[in-house]
Amino acid sequence: MIDVRRLQLLQALGRHQTVAGAAESLGVTPSAVSQQLAALAKETGVTLVERQGRRFILTGAARLLIEHADVIFAEMERAQADLAEYAEGRMGSARVGSFATGISDLVGPAVAALRSTHPGWRFEIVQAEPDRATEMLRSGELDIAITMSSDDLPPNGTGEFRIDPIMVEPFDAVLPYHHPLAASTDLELAADLADAEWIMSPPGSPWYDCVAAACHQAGFRPRVAHTVHEFSAVFALVQAGLGMALMPRLGWTGMSAPHLVVRTVRNTARRHVVALTRAGYNAEPLLGAVREAASKVPVPSASPLLVSGGDAA
């Protein structure tokens, strides 16, 4: 490995042609220059200088090495400039993980906005479900996780991780347009939906557990008519008139399905969307951009009928 400090001495000798001149330009003694150049010649295994009186003539090998030195020192200067910009928050790179709907409604819009406001930043987006986000941060696979409150989150205030709130996401009722409750804009969880046929995910899934807990708090147990995994399947079944669903808001805002009604619900289920990072990591500017995207998440229309999930978005 070539010592870059010795390359700097060789570069100075090439400019000044004398050991004294090179030493003076770098603030070292002439003997130090001679010793370090001898060490560099030993490192490289080639003759670097030839002496003619008080002057030193660079060999072809030395001139070749100086060409590389010029590139190396230019890159080092750029690296120092980039580090200064990074320290000021104007440049950086980050791998960002999130669950699927968090990507579509929060992370995607945030990164797109930062392309124009923070062009020095590079982001890589990775799908990371809540049960994997913490370990992916711990292993270095992620720098930031936009995730949701669950048992998989580490306790807040630990020395290893930091948790910053993003939004509280309510669950909204998705109904067929011909449903008796479709015209209502003020639904109440127990009074209006306890007797409905429900479409839900399997027990033990985050969606099911969140909705079941809210229903239990309201004093009833939902009558699950159909069990599915994907939100697209939920829309298909609701569209066919086979039941209703209480869906997280980020789950329906990006969908487009005719003949559906989306309504807010009092006493509904809610989940907290948070940014999870290692304790020493600075999540800006992404954190601010994700919060800005969260503030723009659509809410259900107050019109008598909402004919499609796409219109709601």
C-alpha atoms as a PDB file:
ATOM      1  CA  MET A   1       0.000   0.000   0.000  1.00  0.00           C
ATOM      2  CA  ILE A   2       1.441   3.367  -1.072  1.00  0.00           C
ATOM      3  CA  ASP A   3       1.493   6.041   1.644  1.00  0.00           C
ATOM      4  CA  VAL A   4      -0.389   9.052   0.239  1.00  0.00           C
ATOM      5  CA  ARG A   5       1.696  11.432   2.359  1.00  0.00           C
ATOM      6  CA  ARG A   6       4.785  10.262   0.481  1.00  0.00           C
ATOM      7  CA  LEU A   7       2.953  10.809  -2.799  1.00  0.00           C
ATOM      8  CA  GLN A   8       2.409  14.387  -1.686  1.00  0.00           C
ATOM      9  CA  LEU A   9       6.175  14.804  -1.202  1.00  0.00           C
ATOM     10  CA  LEU A  10       6.843  13.396  -4.675  1.00  0.00           C
ATOM     11  CA  GLN A  11       4.234  15.735  -6.126  1.00  0.00           C
ATOM     12  CA  ALA A  12       5.929  18.723  -4.425  1.00  0.00           C
ATOM     13  CA  LEU A  13       9.352  17.646  -5.699  1.00  0.00           C
ATOM     14  CA  GLY A  14       7.955  17.533  -9.213  1.00  0.00           C
ATOM     15  CA  ARG A  15       6.778  21.127  -8.870  1.00  0.00           C
ATOM     16  CA  HIS A  16       9.906  22.587  -7.224  1.00  0.00           C
ATOM     17  CA  GLN A  17      12.667  20.346  -8.626  1.00  0.00           C
ATOM     18  CA  THR A  18      14.722  20.639  -5.394  1.00  0.00           C
ATOM     19  CA  VAL A  19      14.428  18.920  -2.032  1.00  0.00           C
ATOM     20  CA  ALA A  20      14.716  22.291  -0.272  1.00  0.00           C
ATOM     21  CA  GLY A  21      11.885  23.776  -2.326  1.00  0.00           C
ATOM     22  CA  ALA A  22       9.642  20.751  -1.746  1.00  0.00           C
ATOM     23  CA  ALA A  23      10.426  20.802   1.989  1.00  0.00           C
ATOM     24  CA  GLU A  24       9.673  24.514   2.291  1.00  0.00           C
ATOM     25  CA  SER A  25       6.338  24.204   0.445  1.00  0.00           C
ATOM     26  CA  LEU A  26       5.182  21.459   2.795  1.00  0.00           C
ATOM     27  CA  GLY A  27       6.675  22.830   6.007  1.00  0.00           C
ATOM     28  CA  VAL A  28       9.005  19.898   6.669  1.00  0.00           C
ATOM     29  CA  THR A  29      12.792  19.489   6.763  1.00  0.00           C
ATOM     30  CA  PRO A  30      14.809  18.540   3.663  1.00  0.00           C
ATOM     31  CA  SER A  31      16.076  15.411   5.439  1.00  0.00           C
ATOM     32  CA  ALA A  32      12.459  14.334   6.024  1.00  0.00           C
ATOM     33  CA  VAL A  33      11.757  14.731   2.297  1.00  0.00           C
ATOM     34  CA  SER A  34      14.792  12.625   1.365  1.00  0.00           C
ATOM     35  CA  GLN A  35      13.916   9.898   3.863  1.00  0.00           C
ATOM     36  CA  GLN A  36      10.280   9.684   2.771  1.00  0.00           C
ATOM     37  CA  LEU A  37      11.153   9.629  -0.937  1.00  0.00           C
ATOM     38  CA  ALA A  38      13.567   6.779  -0.278  1.00  0.00           C
ATOM     39  CA  ALA A  39      10.803   4.929   1.577  1.00  0.00           C
ATOM     40  CA  LEU A  40       8.380   5.554  -1.338  1.00  0.00           C
ATOM     41  CA  ALA A  41      10.909   4.131  -3.818  1.00  0.00           C
ATOM     42  CA  LYS A  42      11.173   1.033  -1.604  1.00  0.00           C
ATOM     43  CA  GLU A  43       7.353   0.743  -1.429  1.00  0.00           C
ATOM     44  CA  THR A  44       6.938   0.953  -5.188  1.00  0.00           C
ATOM     45  CA  GLY A  45      10.051  -1.011  -6.111  1.00  0.00           C
ATOM     46  CA  VAL A  46      11.134   1.494  -8.788  1.00  0.00           C
ATOM     47  CA  THR A  47      13.601   4.357  -9.077  1.00  0.00           C
ATOM     48  CA  LEU A  48      11.773   7.640  -8.710  1.00  0.00           C
ATOM     49  CA  VAL A  49      14.463  10.339  -8.856  1.00  0.00           C
ATOM     50  CA  GLU A  50      17.861  10.854 -10.401  1.00  0.00           C
ATOM     51  CA  ARG A  51      20.194  13.506  -8.958  1.00  0.00           C
ATOM     52  CA  GLN A  52      21.941  16.059 -11.151  1.00  0.00           C
ATOM     53  CA  GLY A  53      23.958  18.416  -8.942  1.00  0.00           C
ATOM     54  CA  ARG A  54      21.537  20.136  -6.561  1.00  0.00           C
ATOM     55  CA  ARG A  55      18.558  19.259  -8.713  1.00  0.00           C
ATOM     56  CA  PHE A  56      16.505  16.087  -8.800  1.00  0.00           C
ATOM     57  CA  ILE A  57      15.154  14.754 -12.095  1.00  0.00           C
ATOM     58  CA  LEU A  58      12.002  12.679 -11.958  1.00  0.00           C
ATOM     59  CA  THR A  59      12.082   9.318 -13.702  1.00  0.00           C
ATOM     60  CA  GLY A  60       9.331   8.125 -16.026  1.00  0.00           C
ATOM     61  CA  ALA A  61       8.000   5.961 -13.196  1.00  0.00           C
ATOM     62  CA  ALA A  62       7.801   9.024 -10.933  1.00  0.00           C
ATOM     63  CA  ARG A  63       5.928  11.063 -13.552  1.00  0.00           C
ATOM     64  CA  LEU A  64       3.451   8.200 -13.989  1.00  0.00           C
ATOM     65  CA  LEU A  65       2.974   8.005 -10.236  1.00  0.00           C
ATOM     66  CA  ILE A  66       2.411  11.778 -10.021  1.00  0.00           C
ATOM     67  CA  GLU A  67      -0.376  11.502 -12.620  1.00  0.00           C
ATOM     68  CA  HIS A  68      -2.127   9.047 -10.317  1.00  0.00           C
ATOM     69  CA  ALA A  69      -1.361  11.257  -7.322  1.00  0.00           C
ATOM     70  CA  ASP A  70      -3.089  14.201  -8.992  1.00  0.00           C
ATOM     71  CA  VAL A  71      -6.237  12.083  -9.391  1.00  0.00           C
ATOM     72  CA  ILE A  72      -5.998  10.731  -5.836  1.00  0.00           C
ATOM     73  CA  PHE A  73      -5.640  14.148  -4.228  1.00  0.00           C
ATOM     74  CA  ALA A  74      -8.452  15.593  -6.364  1.00  0.00           C
ATOM     75  CA  GLU A  75     -10.736  12.775  -5.195  1.00  0.00           C
ATOM     76  CA  MET A  76      -9.676  13.375  -1.587  1.00  0.00           C
ATOM     77  CA  GLU A  77     -10.576  17.059  -1.919  1.00  0.00           C
ATOM     78  CA  ARG A  78     -13.954  16.109  -3.362  1.00  0.00           C
ATOM     79  CA  ALA A  79     -14.453  13.647  -0.515  1.00  0.00           C
ATOM     80  CA  GLN A  80     -13.694  16.370   2.033  1.00  0.00           C
ATOM     81  CA  ALA A  81     -16.125  18.731   0.300  1.00  0.00           C
ATOM     82  CA  ASP A  82     -18.798  16.017   0.223  1.00  0.00           C
ATOM     83  CA  LEU A  83     -18.276  15.293   3.909  1.00  0.00           C
ATOM     84  CA  ALA A  84     -18.684  18.980   4.696  1.00  0.00           C
ATOM     85  CA  GLU A  85     -21.948  19.037   2.724  1.00  0.00           C
ATOM     86  CA  TYR A  86     -23.055  15.844   4.472  1.00  0.00           C
ATOM     87  CA  ALA A  87     -22.360  17.394   7.867  1.00  0.00           C
ATOM     88  CA  GLU A  88     -24.501  20.359   6.834  1.00  0.00           C
ATOM     89  CA  GLY A  89     -27.327  18.061   5.652  1.00  0.00           C
ATOM     90  CA  ARG A  90     -26.940  18.930   1.963  1.00  0.00           C
ATOM     91  CA  MET A  91     -25.630  15.542   0.806  1.00  0.00           C
ATOM     92  CA  GLY A  92     -25.946  11.916   1.839  1.00  0.00           C
ATOM     93  CA  SER A  93     -27.344   8.500   1.063  1.00  0.00           C
ATOM     94  CA  ALA A  94     -29.783   6.284   2.911  1.00  0.00           C
ATOM     95  CA  ARG A  95     -31.573   2.975   2.532  1.00  0.00           C
ATOM     96  CA  VAL A  96     -35.206   3.419   3.556  1.00  0.00           C
ATOM     97  CA  GLY A  97     -37.521   0.529   4.368  1.00  0.00           C
ATOM     98  CA  SER A  98     -41.284   0.514   4.782  1.00  0.00           C
ATOM     99  CA  PHE A  99     -44.375  -1.651   4.502  1.00  0.00           C
ATOM    100  CA  ALA A 100     -46.097  -1.662   1.086  1.00  0.00           C
ATOM    101  CA  THR A 101     -48.709   1.066   1.641  1.00  0.00           C
ATOM    102  CA  GLY A 102     -46.168   3.148   3.534  1.00  0.00           C
ATOM    103  CA  ILE A 103     -44.023   3.107   0.404  1.00  0.00           C
ATOM    104  CA  SER A 104     -46.858   4.135  -1.916  1.00  0.00           C
ATOM    105  CA  ASP A 105     -48.319   6.927   0.226  1.00  0.00           C
ATOM    106  CA  LEU A 106     -45.394   8.175   2.347  1.00  0.00           C
ATOM    107  CA  VAL A 107     -41.895   7.119   1.329  1.00  0.00           C
ATOM    108  CA  GLY A 108     -42.372   7.278  -2.437  1.00  0.00           C
ATOM    109  CA  PRO A 109     -43.812  10.831  -2.449  1.00  0.00           C
ATOM    110  CA  ALA A 110     -41.216  11.955   0.127  1.00  0.00           C
ATOM    111  CA  VAL A 111     -38.227  10.717  -1.899  1.00  0.00           C
ATOM    112  CA  ALA A 112     -39.702  12.169  -5.103  1.00  0.00           C
ATOM    113  CA  ALA A 113     -40.029  15.579  -3.428  1.00  0.00           C
ATOM    114  CA  LEU A 114     -36.467  15.431  -2.077  1.00  0.00           C
ATOM    115  CA  ARG A 115     -35.064  14.926  -5.576  1.00  0.00           C
ATOM    116  CA  SER A 116     -35.726  18.590  -6.271  1.00  0.00           C
ATOM    117  CA  THR A 117     -35.211  20.082  -2.803  1.00  0.00           C
ATOM    118  CA  HIS A 118     -32.145  17.976  -1.832  1.00  0.00           C
ATOM    119  CA  PRO A 119     -30.480  16.875  -5.095  1.00  0.00           C
ATOM    120  CA  GLY A 120     -27.318  15.873  -3.241  1.00  0.00           C
ATOM    121  CA  TRP A 121     -29.135  13.028  -1.490  1.00  0.00           C
ATOM    122  CA  ARG A 122     -29.561   9.479  -2.817  1.00  0.00           C
ATOM    123  CA  PHE A 123     -32.193   7.135  -1.421  1.00  0.00           C
ATOM    124  CA  GLU A 124     -32.770   3.433  -1.966  1.00  0.00           C
ATOM    125  CA  ILE A 125     -36.260   2.222  -1.055  1.00  0.00           C
ATOM    126  CA  VAL A 126     -36.685  -1.330   0.257  1.00  0.00           C
ATOM    127  CA  GLN A 127     -39.914  -3.054   1.240  1.00  0.00           C
ATOM    128  CA  ALA A 128     -39.599  -4.018   4.899  1.00  0.00           C
ATOM    129  CA  GLU A 129     -42.572  -5.313   6.848  1.00  0.00           C
ATOM    130  CA  PRO A 130     -42.823  -4.384  10.555  1.00  0.00           C
ATOM    131  CA  ASP A 131     -41.720  -7.810  11.784  1.00  0.00           C
ATOM    132  CA  ARG A 132     -38.376  -7.437   9.943  1.00  0.00           C
ATOM    133  CA  ALA A 133     -37.663  -3.701  10.202  1.00  0.00           C
ATOM    134  CA  THR A 134     -35.861  -3.716  13.562  1.00  0.00           C
ATOM    135  CA  GLU A 135     -33.452  -6.499  12.631  1.00  0.00           C
ATOM    136  CA  MET A 136     -32.765  -4.907   9.232  1.00  0.00           C
ATOM    137  CA  LEU A 137     -31.772  -1.697  11.010  1.00  0.00           C
ATOM    138  CA  ARG A 138     -29.626  -3.565  13.496  1.00  0.00           C
ATOM    139  CA  SER A 139     -27.766  -5.422  10.726  1.00  0.00           C
ATOM    140  CA  GLY A 140     -27.239  -2.281   8.644  1.00  0.00           C
ATOM    141  CA  GLU A 141     -29.551  -3.391   5.815  1.00  0.00           C
ATOM    142  CA  LEU A 142     -31.582  -0.231   6.477  1.00  0.00           C
ATOM    143  CA  ASP A 143     -30.767   3.245   7.735  1.00  0.00           C
ATOM    144  CA  ILE A 144     -34.378   4.341   8.298  1.00  0.00           C
ATOM    145  CA  ALA A 145     -37.567   2.292   8.688  1.00  0.00           C
ATOM    146  CA  ILE A 146     -40.983   3.868   8.230  1.00  0.00           C
ATOM    147  CA  THR A 147     -43.013   1.290  10.073  1.00  0.00           C
ATOM    148  CA  MET A 148     -46.038   0.904  12.306  1.00  0.00           C
ATOM    149  CA  SER A 149     -46.594   0.343  15.990  1.00  0.00           C
ATOM    150  CA  SER A 150     -46.504  -3.356  16.820  1.00  0.00           C
ATOM    151  CA  ASP A 151     -44.987  -5.824  19.249  1.00  0.00           C
ATOM    152  CA  ASP A 152     -41.994  -6.017  16.912  1.00  0.00           C
ATOM    153  CA  LEU A 153     -40.919  -2.444  17.719  1.00  0.00           C
ATOM    154  CA  PRO A 154     -38.204  -2.031  20.360  1.00  0.00           C
ATOM    155  CA  PRO A 155     -39.221  -0.092  23.496  1.00  0.00           C
ATOM    156  CA  ASN A 156     -38.990   3.676  23.004  1.00  0.00           C
ATOM    157  CA  GLY A 157     -36.132   5.357  24.793  1.00  0.00           C
ATOM    158  CA  THR A 158     -33.678   2.468  24.516  1.00  0.00           C
ATOM    159  CA  GLY A 159     -30.051   3.311  23.846  1.00  0.00           C
ATOM    160  CA  GLU A 160     -29.979   1.365  20.581  1.00  0.00           C
ATOM    161  CA  PHE A 161     -32.915   2.850  18.637  1.00  0.00           C
ATOM    162  CA  ARG A 162     -34.884   6.050  18.256  1.00  0.00           C
ATOM    163  CA  ILE A 163     -38.605   6.277  17.431  1.00  0.00           C
ATOM    164  CA  ASP A 164     -40.116   9.424  15.884  1.00  0.00           C
ATOM    165  CA  PRO A 165     -43.877   9.768  15.273  1.00  0.00           C
ATOM    166  CA  ILE A 166     -45.097  10.245  11.701  1.00  0.00           C
ATOM    167  CA  MET A 167     -48.903  10.010  11.815  1.00  0.00           C
ATOM    168  CA  VAL A 168     -51.840   8.350  13.519  1.00  0.00           C
ATOM    169  CA  GLU A 169     -53.580   6.334  10.809  1.00  0.00           C
ATOM    170  CA  PRO A 170     -57.319   5.750  11.302  1.00  0.00           C
ATOM    171  CA  PHE A 171     -59.209   2.813   9.813  1.00  0.00           C
ATOM    172  CA  ASP A 172     -62.098   3.697   7.483  1.00  0.00           C
ATOM    173  CA  ALA A 173     -65.140   1.684   6.442  1.00  0.00           C
ATOM    174  CA  VAL A 174     -65.163   0.459   2.837  1.00  0.00           C
ATOM    175  CA  LEU A 175     -68.689  -0.435   1.716  1.00  0.00           C
ATOM    176  CA  PRO A 176     -70.501  -1.400  -1.492  1.00  0.00           C
ATOM    177  CA  TYR A 177     -72.151   1.698  -3.017  1.00  0.00           C
ATOM    178  CA  HIS A 178     -75.600   0.104  -2.586  1.00  0.00           C
ATOM    179  CA  HIS A 179     -75.063  -0.694   1.110  1.00  0.00           C
ATOM    180  CA  PRO A 180     -77.742   0.743   3.447  1.00  0.00           C
ATOM    181  CA  LEU A 181     -75.038   2.734   5.271  1.00  0.00           C
ATOM    182  CA  ALA A 182     -73.499   4.136   2.084  1.00  0.00           C
ATOM    183  CA  ALA A 183     -75.336   7.448   2.356  1.00  0.00           C
ATOM    184  CA  SER A 184     -74.240   8.034   5.956  1.00  0.00           C
ATOM    185  CA  THR A 185     -71.223  10.222   6.597  1.00  0.00           C
ATOM    186  CA  ASP A 186     -71.114   9.658  10.350  1.00  0.00           C
ATOM    187  CA  LEU A 187     -70.710   5.963  11.145  1.00  0.00           C
ATOM    188  CA  GLU A 188     -70.210   4.604  14.643  1.00  0.00           C
ATOM    189  CA  LEU A 189     -68.274   1.384  15.047  1.00  0.00           C
ATOM    190  CA  ALA A 190     -70.577  -0.667  17.282  1.00  0.00           C
ATOM    191  CA  ALA A 191     -73.957   0.910  16.516  1.00  0.00           C
ATOM    192  CA  ASP A 192     -73.618   0.770  12.723  1.00  0.00           C
ATOM    193  CA  LEU A 193     -71.171  -2.017  11.899  1.00  0.00           C
ATOM    194  CA  ALA A 194     -71.557  -4.697  14.587  1.00  0.00           C
ATOM    195  CA  ASP A 195     -74.098  -6.679  12.520  1.00  0.00           C
ATOM    196  CA  ALA A 196     -72.318  -6.299   9.165  1.00  0.00           C
ATOM    197  CA  GLU A 197     -70.545  -9.065   7.283  1.00  0.00           C
ATOM    198  CA  TRP A 198     -66.849  -8.330   7.662  1.00  0.00           C
ATOM    199  CA  ILE A 199     -63.924  -8.977   5.340  1.00  0.00           C
ATOM    200  CA  MET A 200     -60.671  -9.268   7.286  1.00  0.00           C
ATOM    201  CA  SER A 201     -57.176 -10.670   7.185  1.00  0.00           C
ATOM    202  CA  PRO A 202     -56.294 -13.861   9.114  1.00  0.00           C
ATOM    203  CA  PRO A 203     -56.098 -13.776  12.922  1.00  0.00           C
ATOM    204  CA  GLY A 204     -52.622 -12.890  14.115  1.00  0.00           C
ATOM    205  CA  SER A 205     -51.964 -10.447  11.285  1.00  0.00           C
ATOM    206  CA  PRO A 206     -51.392  -6.773  12.241  1.00  0.00           C
ATOM    207  CA  TRP A 207     -54.541  -5.645  10.395  1.00  0.00           C
ATOM    208  CA  TYR A 208     -56.755  -8.256  12.072  1.00  0.00           C
ATOM    209  CA  ASP A 209     -55.331  -7.671  15.545  1.00  0.00           C
ATOM    210  CA  CYS A 210     -55.798  -3.883  15.303  1.00  0.00           C
ATOM    211  CA  VAL A 211     -59.415  -4.124  14.086  1.00  0.00           C
ATOM    212  CA  ALA A 212     -60.339  -6.920  16.501  1.00  0.00           C
ATOM    213  CA  ALA A 213     -58.992  -4.897  19.437  1.00  0.00           C
ATOM    214  CA  ALA A 214     -61.076  -1.856  18.459  1.00  0.00           C
ATOM    215  CA  CYS A 215     -64.198  -3.987  18.085  1.00  0.00           C
ATOM    216  CA  HIS A 216     -63.570  -5.620  21.450  1.00  0.00           C
ATOM    217  CA  GLN A 217     -63.199  -2.186  23.006  1.00  0.00           C
ATOM    218  CA  ALA A 218     -66.534  -1.211  21.420  1.00  0.00           C
ATOM    219  CA  GLY A 219     -68.221  -4.289  22.900  1.00  0.00           C
ATOM    220  CA  PHE A 220     -68.679  -6.676  19.988  1.00  0.00           C
ATOM    221  CA  ARG A 221     -66.912  -9.289  17.917  1.00  0.00           C
ATOM    222  CA  PRO A 222     -66.972  -8.823  14.125  1.00  0.00           C
ATOM    223  CA  ARG A 223     -68.774 -11.464  12.052  1.00  0.00           C
ATOM    224  CA  VAL A 224     -66.017 -12.398   9.619  1.00  0.00           C
ATOM    225  CA  ALA A 225     -67.554 -13.618   6.368  1.00  0.00           C
ATOM    226  CA  HIS A 226     -64.369 -13.734   4.257  1.00  0.00           C
ATOM    227  CA  THR A 227     -60.661 -13.923   5.086  1.00  0.00           C
ATOM    228  CA  VAL A 228     -58.064 -12.540   2.657  1.00  0.00           C
ATOM    229  CA  HIS A 229     -54.438 -11.381   2.718  1.00  0.00           C
ATOM    230  CA  GLU A 230     -54.279  -8.630   0.075  1.00  0.00           C
ATOM    231  CA  PHE A 231     -56.068  -5.278   0.048  1.00  0.00           C
ATOM    232  CA  SER A 232     -56.822  -5.745  -3.663  1.00  0.00           C
ATOM    233  CA  ALA A 233     -58.821  -8.862  -2.753  1.00  0.00           C
ATOM    234  CA  VAL A 234     -60.712  -6.840  -0.142  1.00  0.00           C
ATOM    235  CA  PHE A 235     -61.778  -4.336  -2.786  1.00  0.00           C
ATOM    236  CA  ALA A 236     -62.884  -7.106  -5.142  1.00  0.00           C
ATOM    237  CA  LEU A 237     -65.089  -8.720  -2.494  1.00  0.00           C
ATOM    238  CA  VAL A 238     -66.577  -5.409  -1.319  1.00  0.00           C
ATOM    239  CA  GLN A 239     -67.184  -4.394  -4.920  1.00  0.00           C
ATOM    240  CA  ALA A 240     -69.064  -7.653  -5.423  1.00  0.00           C
ATOM    241  CA  GLY A 241     -71.298  -6.790  -2.466  1.00  0.00           C
ATOM    242  CA  LEU A 242     -70.026  -9.634  -0.289  1.00  0.00           C
ATOM    243  CA  GLY A 243     -69.270  -7.605   2.812  1.00  0.00           C
ATOM    244  CA  MET A 244     -67.540  -4.539   4.237  1.00  0.00           C
ATOM    245  CA  ALA A 245     -64.090  -3.909   5.605  1.00  0.00           C
ATOM    246  CA  LEU A 246     -62.464  -1.589   8.115  1.00  0.00           C
ATOM    247  CA  MET A 247     -59.255  -0.680   6.312  1.00  0.00           C
ATOM    248  CA  PRO A 248     -56.228   1.417   7.292  1.00  0.00           C
ATOM    249  CA  ARG A 249     -56.361   4.732   5.449  1.00  0.00           C
ATOM    250  CA  LEU A 250     -53.080   4.121   3.640  1.00  0.00           C
ATOM    251  CA  GLY A 251     -54.598   0.878   2.355  1.00  0.00           C
ATOM    252  CA  TRP A 252     -57.356   2.424   0.251  1.00  0.00           C
ATOM    253  CA  THR A 253     -56.033   5.834  -0.823  1.00  0.00           C
ATOM    254  CA  GLY A 254     -53.995   4.470  -3.713  1.00  0.00           C
ATOM    255  CA  MET A 255     -56.616   2.009  -4.960  1.00  0.00           C
ATOM    256  CA  SER A 256     -59.119   2.561  -7.738  1.00  0.00           C
ATOM    257  CA  ALA A 257     -62.240   0.418  -7.694  1.00  0.00           C
ATOM    258  CA  PRO A 258     -65.667   1.565  -8.977  1.00  0.00           C
ATOM    259  CA  HIS A 259     -68.850   1.388  -6.964  1.00  0.00           C
ATOM    260  CA  LEU A 260     -67.310   1.642  -3.512  1.00  0.00           C
ATOM    261  CA  VAL A 261     -67.998   3.995  -0.633  1.00  0.00           C
ATOM    262  CA  VAL A 262     -65.352   4.985   1.918  1.00  0.00           C
ATOM    263  CA  ARG A 263     -66.528   6.483   5.193  1.00  0.00           C
ATOM    264  CA  THR A 264     -64.910   7.654   8.420  1.00  0.00           C
ATOM    265  CA  VAL A 265     -65.927   5.789  11.587  1.00  0.00           C
ATOM    266  CA  ARG A 266     -66.159   7.079  15.135  1.00  0.00           C
ATOM    267  CA  ASN A 267     -64.330   4.968  17.763  1.00  0.00           C
ATOM    268  CA  THR A 268     -62.458   3.256  14.932  1.00  0.00           C
ATOM    269  CA  ALA A 269     -59.214   1.317  15.035  1.00  0.00           C
ATOM    270  CA  ARG A 270     -56.004   3.331  14.735  1.00  0.00           C
ATOM    271  CA  ARG A 271     -52.366   2.544  14.310  1.00  0.00           C
ATOM    272  CA  HIS A 272     -49.285   4.704  14.780  1.00  0.00           C
ATOM    273  CA  VAL A 273     -46.881   5.099  11.880  1.00  0.00           C
ATOM    274  CA  VAL A 274     -43.366   5.906  13.095  1.00  0.00           C
ATOM    275  CA  ALA A 275     -39.807   6.359  11.865  1.00  0.00           C
ATOM    276  CA  LEU A 276     -37.416   3.880  13.465  1.00  0.00           C
ATOM    277  CA  THR A 277     -33.665   4.570  13.296  1.00  0.00           C
ATOM    278  CA  ARG A 278     -30.510   3.626  15.112  1.00  0.00           C
ATOM    279  CA  ALA A 279     -30.074   5.991  18.044  1.00  0.00           C
ATOM    280  CA  GLY A 280     -27.139   7.902  16.581  1.00  0.00           C
ATOM    281  CA  TYR A 281     -28.529   8.267  13.054  1.00  0.00           C
ATOM    282  CA  ASN A 282     -29.863  11.612  11.779  1.00  0.00           C
ATOM    283  CA  ALA A 283     -33.046  10.847   9.813  1.00  0.00           C
ATOM    284  CA  GLU A 284     -33.304  14.286   8.213  1.00  0.00           C
ATOM    285  CA  PRO A 285     -34.152  15.366   5.572  1.00  0.00           C
ATOM    286  CA  LEU A 286     -36.280  12.261   4.947  1.00  0.00           C
ATOM    287  CA  LEU A 287     -38.161  12.521   8.245  1.00  0.00           C
ATOM    288  CA  GLY A 288     -39.516  15.972   7.429  1.00  0.00           C
ATOM    289  CA  ALA A 289     -40.444  14.929   3.879  1.00  0.00           C
ATOM    290  CA  VAL A 290     -42.327  11.834   5.094  1.00  0.00           C
ATOM    291  CA  ARG A 291     -44.271  13.925   7.610  1.00  0.00           C
ATOM    292  CA  GLU A 292     -45.145  16.347   4.815  1.00  0.00           C
ATOM    293  CA  ALA A 293     -46.412  13.426   2.705  1.00  0.00           C
ATOM    294  CA  ALA A 294     -48.432  12.173   5.692  1.00  0.00           C
ATOM    295  CA  SER A 295     -50.147  15.563   5.989  1.00  0.00           C
ATOM    296  CA  LYS A 296     -51.408  15.138   2.418  1.00  0.00           C
ATOM    297  CA  VAL A 297     -52.932  11.673   2.827  1.00  0.00           C
ATOM    298  CA  PRO A 298     -56.545  11.960   1.571  1.00  0.00           C
ATOM    299  CA  VAL A 299     -59.545  11.584   3.860  1.00  0.00           C
ATOM    300  CA  PRO A 300     -62.905  10.078   2.895  1.00  0.00           C
ATOM    301  CA  SER A 301     -65.237  12.396   1.022  1.00  0.00           C
ATOM    302  CA  ALA A 302     -68.160  13.980   2.836  1.00  0.00           C
ATOM    303  CA  SER A 303     -70.365  13.659  -0.248  1.00  0.00           C
ATOM    304  CA  PRO A 304     -73.444  11.395  -0.037  1.00  0.00           C
ATOM    305  CA  LEU A 305     -71.845   8.791  -2.257  1.00  0.00           C
ATOM    306  CA  LEU A 306     -68.268   8.082  -3.197  1.00  0.00           C
ATOM    307  CA  VAL A 307     -68.265   6.003  -6.364  1.00  0.00           C
ATOM    308  CA  SER A 308     -64.647   4.818  -6.337  1.00  0.00           C
ATOM    309  CA  GLY A 309     -61.576   4.475  -4.171  1.00  0.00           C
ATOM    310  CA  GLY A 310     -59.707   6.327  -6.918  1.00  0.00           C
ATOM    311  CA  ASP A 311     -61.973   9.391  -6.536  1.00  0.00           C
ATOM    312  CA  ALA A 312     -61.181   9.403  -2.834  1.00  0.00           C
ATOM    313  CA  ALA A 313     -57.480   9.612  -3.507  1.00  0.00           C
END
